[in-house]
Structure formats: C-alpha cells, structure tokens
Amino acid sequence: MNVNRNVLYLIIAVLAIAVGVLSYQLHEARKKPEGFQINVGPDGLKIQSK
C-alpha cells in the first residue's frame, strides 16, 4: 500500500512540474519583444519601436 501512495505522489509531482513548464513557455511566447523592427516595403523604409 505504501508503494502505491509513493507512485501517486510521484505522478502528482510530475504533473505539477509539467504544468509549471508549460505555463512558463506560454508566458515567454506571449511576452512582447523588446527593441525595434525595420520593415522595407513598397511604401519605403519603416522603423517601429516595440
């Protein structure tokens, strides 16, 4: 019975770590980039601050 409980705790810990990693990756993906952007197109050269 003690082994089953340890396996359950291990599964819960792995799931909690996975949720934390996925949350961090989502946060990084949605974060606004810093710096500026240079676009060259038919209207000419555009420099935009981000």
PDB file of N, CA and C in Angstrom:
ATOM      1  N   MET A   1       0.819  -1.197   0.000  1.00  0.00           N
ATOM      2  CA  MET A   1       0.000   0.000   0.000  1.00  0.00           C
ATOM      3  C   MET A   1       0.865   1.264   0.000  1.00  0.00           C
ATOM      4  N   ASN A   2       2.009   1.215   0.684  1.00  0.00           N
ATOM      5  CA  ASN A   2       2.891   2.368   0.761  1.00  0.00           C
ATOM      6  C   ASN A   2       3.518   2.678  -0.600  1.00  0.00           C
ATOM      7  N   VAL A   3       3.791   1.628  -1.398  1.00  0.00           N
ATOM      8  CA  VAL A   3       4.380   1.826  -2.719  1.00  0.00           C
ATOM      9  C   VAL A   3       3.375   2.527  -3.634  1.00  0.00           C
ATOM     10  N   ASN A   4       2.114   2.151  -3.568  1.00  0.00           N
ATOM     11  CA  ASN A   4       1.082   2.785  -4.386  1.00  0.00           C
ATOM     12  C   ASN A   4       0.964   4.273  -4.067  1.00  0.00           C
ATOM     13  N   ARG A   5       1.064   4.619  -2.792  1.00  0.00           N
ATOM     14  CA  ARG A   5       0.970   6.015  -2.389  1.00  0.00           C
ATOM     15  C   ARG A   5       2.176   6.801  -2.912  1.00  0.00           C
ATOM     16  N   ASN A   6       3.361   6.200  -2.879  1.00  0.00           N
ATOM     17  CA  ASN A   6       4.556   6.876  -3.386  1.00  0.00           C
ATOM     18  C   ASN A   6       4.469   7.091  -4.898  1.00  0.00           C
ATOM     19  N   VAL A   7       3.909   6.128  -5.604  1.00  0.00           N
ATOM     20  CA  VAL A   7       3.739   6.273  -7.050  1.00  0.00           C
ATOM     21  C   VAL A   7       2.740   7.386  -7.336  1.00  0.00           C
ATOM     22  N   LEU A   8       1.683   7.477  -6.552  1.00  0.00           N
ATOM     23  CA  LEU A   8       0.699   8.533  -6.724  1.00  0.00           C
ATOM     24  C   LEU A   8       1.335   9.905  -6.485  1.00  0.00           C
ATOM     25  N   TYR A   9       2.151  10.037  -5.442  1.00  0.00           N
ATOM     26  CA  TYR A   9       2.852  11.299  -5.181  1.00  0.00           C
ATOM     27  C   TYR A   9       3.806  11.640  -6.319  1.00  0.00           C
ATOM     28  N   LEU A  10       4.466  10.652  -6.871  1.00  0.00           N
ATOM     29  CA  LEU A  10       5.381  10.866  -7.986  1.00  0.00           C
ATOM     30  C   LEU A  10       4.625  11.369  -9.214  1.00  0.00           C
ATOM     31  N   ILE A  11       3.477  10.780  -9.514  1.00  0.00           N
ATOM     32  CA  ILE A  11       2.670  11.202 -10.660  1.00  0.00           C
ATOM     33  C   ILE A  11       2.181  12.636 -10.466  1.00  0.00           C
ATOM     34  N   ILE A  12       1.740  12.969  -9.258  1.00  0.00           N
ATOM     35  CA  ILE A  12       1.278  14.326  -8.977  1.00  0.00           C
ATOM     36  C   ILE A  12       2.419  15.322  -9.123  1.00  0.00           C
ATOM     37  N   ALA A  13       3.608  14.978  -8.650  1.00  0.00           N
ATOM     38  CA  ALA A  13       4.762  15.874  -8.759  1.00  0.00           C
ATOM     39  C   ALA A  13       5.144  16.087 -10.215  1.00  0.00           C
ATOM     40  N   VAL A  14       5.143  15.038 -11.017  1.00  0.00           N
ATOM     41  CA  VAL A  14       5.477  15.158 -12.437  1.00  0.00           C
ATOM     42  C   VAL A  14       4.456  16.031 -13.155  1.00  0.00           C
ATOM     43  N   LEU A  15       3.187  15.847 -12.850  1.00  0.00           N
ATOM     44  CA  LEU A  15       2.145  16.680 -13.471  1.00  0.00           C
ATOM     45  C   LEU A  15       2.278  18.139 -13.062  1.00  0.00           C
ATOM     46  N   ALA A  16       2.599  18.396 -11.797  1.00  0.00           N
ATOM     47  CA  ALA A  16       2.770  19.776 -11.336  1.00  0.00           C
ATOM     48  C   ALA A  16       3.956  20.436 -12.029  1.00  0.00           C
ATOM     49  N   ILE A  17       5.046  19.709 -12.203  1.00  0.00           N
ATOM     50  CA  ILE A  17       6.212  20.246 -12.901  1.00  0.00           C
ATOM     51  C   ILE A  17       5.878  20.512 -14.362  1.00  0.00           C
ATOM     52  N   ALA A  18       5.141  19.608 -14.989  1.00  0.00           N
ATOM     53  CA  ALA A  18       4.761  19.790 -16.393  1.00  0.00           C
ATOM     54  C   ALA A  18       3.880  21.032 -16.560  1.00  0.00           C
ATOM     55  N   VAL A  19       2.941  21.251 -15.654  1.00  0.00           N
ATOM     56  CA  VAL A  19       2.091  22.439 -15.720  1.00  0.00           C
ATOM     57  C   VAL A  19       2.933  23.698 -15.542  1.00  0.00           C
ATOM     58  N   GLY A  20       3.891  23.660 -14.640  1.00  0.00           N
ATOM     59  CA  GLY A  20       4.763  24.810 -14.435  1.00  0.00           C
ATOM     60  C   GLY A  20       5.596  25.131 -15.669  1.00  0.00           C
ATOM     61  N   VAL A  21       6.163  24.120 -16.298  1.00  0.00           N
ATOM     62  CA  VAL A  21       6.983  24.322 -17.501  1.00  0.00           C
ATOM     63  C   VAL A  21       6.134  24.845 -18.648  1.00  0.00           C
ATOM     64  N   LEU A  22       4.971  24.277 -18.848  1.00  0.00           N
ATOM     65  CA  LEU A  22       4.097  24.740 -19.923  1.00  0.00           C
ATOM     66  C   LEU A  22       3.606  26.170 -19.680  1.00  0.00           C
ATOM     67  N   SER A  23       3.336  26.512 -18.438  1.00  0.00           N
ATOM     68  CA  SER A  23       2.918  27.877 -18.115  1.00  0.00           C
ATOM     69  C   SER A  23       4.038  28.865 -18.413  1.00  0.00           C
ATOM     70  N   TYR A  24       5.268  28.506 -18.066  1.00  0.00           N
ATOM     71  CA  TYR A  24       6.408  29.385 -18.336  1.00  0.00           C
ATOM     72  C   TYR A  24       6.607  29.559 -19.839  1.00  0.00           C
ATOM     73  N   GLN A  25       6.487  28.486 -20.600  1.00  0.00           N
ATOM     74  CA  GLN A  25       6.651  28.581 -22.050  1.00  0.00           C
ATOM     75  C   GLN A  25       5.555  29.451 -22.669  1.00  0.00           C
ATOM     76  N   LEU A  26       4.331  29.344 -22.197  1.00  0.00           N
ATOM     77  CA  LEU A  26       3.239  30.175 -22.698  1.00  0.00           C
ATOM     78  C   LEU A  26       3.484  31.640 -22.365  1.00  0.00           C
ATOM     79  N   HIS A  27       3.971  31.898 -21.160  1.00  0.00           N
ATOM     80  CA  HIS A  27       4.290  33.267 -20.755  1.00  0.00           C
ATOM     81  C   HIS A  27       5.372  33.863 -21.652  1.00  0.00           C
ATOM     82  N   GLU A  28       6.418  33.120 -21.930  1.00  0.00           N
ATOM     83  CA  GLU A  28       7.501  33.596 -22.784  1.00  0.00           C
ATOM     84  C   GLU A  28       7.026  33.821 -24.217  1.00  0.00           C
ATOM     85  N   ALA A  29       6.122  32.992 -24.697  1.00  0.00           N
ATOM     86  CA  ALA A  29       5.631  33.119 -26.068  1.00  0.00           C
ATOM     87  C   ALA A  29       4.753  34.363 -26.224  1.00  0.00           C
ATOM     88  N   ARG A  30       4.047  34.754 -25.188  1.00  0.00           N
ATOM     89  CA  ARG A  30       3.135  35.901 -25.265  1.00  0.00           C
ATOM     90  C   ARG A  30       3.803  37.214 -24.872  1.00  0.00           C
ATOM     91  N   LYS A  31       5.008  37.152 -24.358  1.00  0.00           N
ATOM     92  CA  LYS A  31       5.696  38.366 -23.918  1.00  0.00           C
ATOM     93  C   LYS A  31       6.048  39.226 -25.128  1.00  0.00           C
ATOM     94  N   LYS A  32       5.876  40.546 -24.993  1.00  0.00           N
ATOM     95  CA  LYS A  32       6.184  41.453 -26.083  1.00  0.00           C
ATOM     96  C   LYS A  32       7.694  41.484 -26.315  1.00  0.00           C
ATOM     97  N   PRO A  33       8.092  41.424 -27.563  1.00  0.00           N
ATOM     98  CA  PRO A  33       9.528  41.518 -27.843  1.00  0.00           C
ATOM     99  C   PRO A  33      10.033  42.941 -27.587  1.00  0.00           C
ATOM    100  N   GLU A  34      11.273  43.047 -27.185  1.00  0.00           N
ATOM    101  CA  GLU A  34      11.873  44.345 -26.920  1.00  0.00           C
ATOM    102  C   GLU A  34      12.670  44.789 -28.138  1.00  0.00           C
ATOM    103  N   GLY A  35      12.878  46.098 -28.249  1.00  0.00           N
ATOM    104  CA  GLY A  35      13.698  46.609 -29.331  1.00  0.00           C
ATOM    105  C   GLY A  35      12.875  47.305 -30.385  1.00  0.00           C
ATOM    106  N   PHE A  36      13.297  47.153 -31.627  1.00  0.00           N
ATOM    107  CA  PHE A  36      12.617  47.805 -32.728  1.00  0.00           C
ATOM    108  C   PHE A  36      12.563  46.880 -33.931  1.00  0.00           C
ATOM    109  N   GLN A  37      11.712  47.244 -34.870  1.00  0.00           N
ATOM    110  CA  GLN A  37      11.504  46.439 -36.069  1.00  0.00           C
ATOM    111  C   GLN A  37      11.715  47.327 -37.288  1.00  0.00           C
ATOM    112  N   ILE A  38      12.447  46.816 -38.272  1.00  0.00           N
ATOM    113  CA  ILE A  38      12.702  47.546 -39.507  1.00  0.00           C
ATOM    114  C   ILE A  38      11.988  46.813 -40.639  1.00  0.00           C
ATOM    115  N   ASN A  39      11.101  47.531 -41.343  1.00  0.00           N
ATOM    116  CA  ASN A  39      10.364  46.967 -42.466  1.00  0.00           C
ATOM    117  C   ASN A  39      10.725  47.718 -43.739  1.00  0.00           C
ATOM    118  N   VAL A  40      10.999  46.960 -44.794  1.00  0.00           N
ATOM    119  CA  VAL A  40      11.248  47.554 -46.103  1.00  0.00           C
ATOM    120  C   VAL A  40      10.170  47.027 -47.031  1.00  0.00           C
ATOM    121  N   GLY A  41       9.378  47.943 -47.581  1.00  0.00           N
ATOM    122  CA  GLY A  41       8.289  47.533 -48.451  1.00  0.00           C
ATOM    123  C   GLY A  41       8.053  48.544 -49.543  1.00  0.00           C
ATOM    124  N   PRO A  42       6.934  48.420 -50.200  1.00  0.00           N
ATOM    125  CA  PRO A  42       6.630  49.332 -51.312  1.00  0.00           C
ATOM    126  C   PRO A  42       6.478  50.785 -50.852  1.00  0.00           C
ATOM    127  N   ASP A  43       6.142  51.000 -49.587  1.00  0.00           N
ATOM    128  CA  ASP A  43       5.987  52.354 -49.064  1.00  0.00           C
ATOM    129  C   ASP A  43       7.312  52.940 -48.572  1.00  0.00           C
ATOM    130  N   GLY A  44       8.371  52.178 -48.648  1.00  0.00           N
ATOM    131  CA  GLY A  44       9.685  52.652 -48.204  1.00  0.00           C
ATOM    132  C   GLY A  44      10.119  51.969 -46.918  1.00  0.00           C
ATOM    133  N   LEU A  45      11.011  52.614 -46.218  1.00  0.00           N
ATOM    134  CA  LEU A  45      11.605  52.088 -45.009  1.00  0.00           C
ATOM    135  C   LEU A  45      10.800  52.553 -43.782  1.00  0.00           C
ATOM    136  N   LYS A  46      10.426  51.605 -42.897  1.00  0.00           N
ATOM    137  CA  LYS A  46       9.696  51.942 -41.678  1.00  0.00           C
ATOM    138  C   LYS A  46      10.454  51.360 -40.489  1.00  0.00           C
ATOM    139  N   ILE A  47      10.648  52.167 -39.475  1.00  0.00           N
ATOM    140  CA  ILE A  47      11.275  51.713 -38.232  1.00  0.00           C
ATOM    141  C   ILE A  47      10.258  51.924 -37.125  1.00  0.00           C
ATOM    142  N   GLN A  48       9.924  50.820 -36.433  1.00  0.00           N
ATOM    143  CA  GLN A  48       8.909  50.869 -35.383  1.00  0.00           C
ATOM    144  C   GLN A  48       9.516  50.413 -34.073  1.00  0.00           C
ATOM    145  N   SER A  49       9.204  51.136 -33.004  1.00  0.00           N
ATOM    146  CA  SER A  49       9.613  50.740 -31.674  1.00  0.00           C
ATOM    147  C   SER A  49       8.601  49.746 -31.130  1.00  0.00           C
ATOM    148  N   LYS A  50       9.073  48.751 -30.422  1.00  0.00           N
ATOM    149  CA  LYS A  50       8.165  47.750 -29.875  1.00  0.00           C
ATOM    150  C   LYS A  50       7.977  47.939 -28.406  1.00  0.00           C
TER     151      LYS A  50
END
